[in-house]
Amino acid sequence: MTDRDDVTAFIDRVPSDIRREDARIMIDLIERITGIAPGLWGPTIVGFGQYHYRYASGREGDAPAAGFSPRKAATTIYLPDGVGAHADALGRLGPHSTGVGCLYIKRLSEVDLAVLEGIITASWKTVTDGTFGHRAAESSKNSGDENT
């Protein structure tokens, strides 16, 4: 993971004006939730904090406890506890699509930021409270659902 200056340089290089502005909003939002400065995880993931995961297969590692990436098609928000844990809130969010552990938003200006903040806060608390014990895939049978 790299430091805040690397995150700023990465965001400054995002080609889309919308993704760049949305990334700055996401940094402010998640930093407020976590109280942690962002770091760059790999080339394109802005992460906050970390958690250790271990699968039944024996695979293990570390990942950001909260994070996002300003991808070309949409801002990807990572929910390590899975989107299924947030089904009710996602119904109130506004236009989005989902994967097993990812929330895709094309424009933050079109969603309810208070609902988004609640989703990220709940995910952060789940992942960092010391009792997180399952994979994102186990939280939802509805991966890939869309609400656009």
Protein backbone atom coordinates (compact mmCIF):
# COMPACT_ATOMS: atom_id res chain seq x y z
CA MET A 1 0.00 0.00 0.00
CA THR A 2 1.26 3.49 -0.80
CA ASP A 3 0.64 6.88 0.80
CA ARG A 4 -1.78 9.75 0.32
CA ASP A 5 0.48 11.60 -2.17
CA ASP A 6 0.35 8.55 -4.45
CA VAL A 7 -3.46 8.48 -4.11
CA THR A 8 -3.69 12.16 -5.07
CA ALA A 9 -1.42 11.61 -8.09
CA PHE A 10 -3.48 8.58 -9.14
CA ILE A 11 -6.77 10.51 -8.89
CA ASP A 12 -5.27 13.44 -10.82
CA ARG A 13 -4.51 11.02 -13.69
CA VAL A 14 -8.06 9.63 -13.95
CA PRO A 15 -9.14 10.62 -17.48
CA SER A 16 -12.84 11.19 -16.80
CA ASP A 17 -13.83 14.46 -15.11
CA ILE A 18 -16.83 12.70 -13.54
CA ARG A 19 -14.79 9.77 -12.15
CA ARG A 20 -12.11 12.16 -10.88
CA GLU A 21 -14.67 14.33 -9.02
CA ASP A 22 -16.52 11.26 -7.74
CA ALA A 23 -13.18 9.85 -6.50
CA ARG A 24 -12.52 13.00 -4.49
CA ILE A 25 -16.01 12.76 -2.98
CA MET A 26 -15.43 9.09 -2.15
CA ILE A 27 -12.11 9.85 -0.44
CA ASP A 28 -13.75 12.50 1.76
CA LEU A 29 -16.70 10.21 2.54
CA ILE A 30 -14.68 7.11 3.42
CA GLU A 31 -12.03 9.04 5.32
CA ARG A 32 -14.79 10.57 7.43
CA ILE A 33 -16.27 7.12 8.11
CA THR A 34 -12.99 5.36 8.91
CA GLY A 35 -10.84 8.13 10.33
CA ILE A 36 -8.03 6.68 8.21
CA ALA A 37 -6.13 8.35 5.38
CA PRO A 38 -6.36 6.60 2.00
CA GLY A 39 -3.65 4.45 0.50
CA LEU A 40 -3.21 3.00 -2.95
CA TRP A 41 -3.55 -0.78 -3.05
CA GLY A 42 -2.04 -1.96 -6.29
CA PRO A 43 -2.35 0.32 -9.26
CA THR A 44 -6.04 1.31 -9.06
CA ILE A 45 -7.68 0.64 -5.67
CA VAL A 46 -7.96 3.42 -3.10
CA GLY A 47 -8.19 1.66 0.26
CA PHE A 48 -8.73 2.57 3.89
CA GLY A 49 -7.51 0.36 6.70
CA GLN A 50 -7.12 -3.34 6.20
CA TYR A 51 -8.39 -6.69 7.30
CA HIS A 52 -6.93 -10.17 7.11
CA TYR A 53 -8.92 -12.88 5.36
CA ARG A 54 -8.50 -16.64 5.42
CA TYR A 55 -10.62 -18.95 3.29
CA ALA A 56 -11.43 -22.58 4.05
CA SER A 57 -9.13 -23.50 1.16
CA GLY A 58 -6.21 -22.08 3.14
CA ARG A 59 -5.78 -19.02 0.94
CA GLU A 60 -5.25 -15.90 3.00
CA GLY A 61 -4.11 -12.32 2.69
CA ASP A 62 -4.81 -8.71 3.49
CA ALA A 63 -7.22 -6.36 1.75
CA PRO A 64 -8.59 -2.87 2.33
CA ALA A 65 -11.40 -2.80 4.89
CA ALA A 66 -13.07 -0.10 2.79
CA GLY A 67 -12.18 1.00 -0.69
CA PHE A 68 -13.12 2.00 -4.20
CA SER A 69 -11.71 2.35 -7.69
CA PRO A 70 -12.60 4.99 -10.30
CA ARG A 71 -13.00 2.57 -13.22
CA LYS A 72 -13.85 3.64 -16.76
CA ALA A 73 -17.47 2.42 -16.74
CA ALA A 74 -18.32 3.25 -13.11
CA THR A 75 -16.93 3.90 -9.67
CA THR A 76 -16.48 0.50 -8.05
CA ILE A 77 -17.05 0.41 -4.30
CA TYR A 78 -15.76 -2.68 -2.53
CA LEU A 79 -17.96 -4.22 0.16
CA PRO A 80 -15.97 -7.09 1.70
CA ASP A 81 -19.03 -8.29 3.61
CA GLY A 82 -20.94 -8.65 0.33
CA VAL A 83 -23.78 -6.70 -1.22
CA GLY A 84 -26.38 -9.07 0.25
CA ALA A 85 -25.71 -7.63 3.70
CA HIS A 86 -26.99 -4.28 2.41
CA ALA A 87 -30.01 -5.30 0.32
CA ASP A 88 -32.49 -2.97 2.05
CA ALA A 89 -30.22 0.08 1.80
CA LEU A 90 -29.32 -0.71 -1.81
CA GLY A 91 -33.02 -0.53 -2.61
CA ARG A 92 -32.99 3.11 -1.49
CA LEU A 93 -29.62 4.09 -3.01
CA GLY A 94 -30.56 5.06 -6.55
CA PRO A 95 -29.14 3.86 -9.88
CA HIS A 96 -26.46 1.22 -9.42
CA SER A 97 -25.51 -2.35 -10.24
CA THR A 98 -23.79 -4.96 -8.10
CA GLY A 99 -21.49 -7.93 -8.11
CA VAL A 100 -20.90 -10.28 -5.19
CA GLY A 101 -18.79 -7.79 -3.23
CA CYS A 102 -18.87 -4.73 -5.48
CA LEU A 103 -21.22 -1.82 -5.92
CA TYR A 104 -21.02 0.01 -9.26
CA ILE A 105 -22.16 3.63 -9.51
CA LYS A 106 -21.91 5.60 -12.74
CA ARG A 107 -22.52 9.02 -11.12
CA LEU A 108 -22.50 9.81 -7.43
CA SER A 109 -24.72 12.80 -8.18
CA GLU A 110 -27.54 10.37 -9.02
CA VAL A 111 -27.50 8.39 -5.77
CA ASP A 112 -28.42 9.21 -2.19
CA LEU A 113 -25.05 9.89 -0.56
CA ALA A 114 -26.49 9.45 2.94
CA VAL A 115 -27.60 5.92 2.01
CA LEU A 116 -24.17 5.23 0.46
CA GLU A 117 -22.50 6.49 3.62
CA GLY A 118 -24.67 4.14 5.67
CA ILE A 119 -23.75 1.16 3.49
CA ILE A 120 -20.02 1.87 3.69
CA THR A 121 -20.24 2.53 7.44
CA ALA A 122 -22.05 -0.76 8.07
CA SER A 123 -19.58 -2.69 5.91
CA TRP A 124 -16.60 -1.02 7.64
CA LYS A 125 -17.97 -1.88 11.08
CA THR A 126 -18.64 -5.48 10.10
CA VAL A 127 -15.19 -6.00 8.64
CA THR A 128 -13.28 -4.26 11.44
CA ASP A 129 -15.18 -5.38 14.54
CA GLY A 130 -13.14 -8.58 14.87
CA THR A 131 -16.01 -10.96 14.17
CA PHE A 132 -16.07 -10.90 10.36
CA GLY A 133 -16.04 -14.52 9.37
CA HIS A 134 -17.41 -15.12 5.91
CA ARG A 135 -16.72 -14.32 2.30
CA ALA A 136 -18.74 -11.80 0.31
CA ALA A 137 -20.14 -14.64 -1.82
CA GLU A 138 -21.81 -16.11 1.25
CA SER A 139 -23.81 -12.98 2.02
CA SER A 140 -26.00 -12.96 -1.09
CA LYS A 141 -27.63 -15.28 -3.52
CA ASN A 142 -28.38 -12.25 -5.71
CA SER A 143 -24.98 -11.32 -7.11
CA GLY A 144 -25.17 -9.37 -10.32
CA ASP A 145 -28.55 -7.79 -9.53
CA GLU A 146 -29.14 -4.39 -10.99
CA ASN A 147 -31.16 -1.44 -9.80
CA THR A 148 -30.95 1.13 -12.58
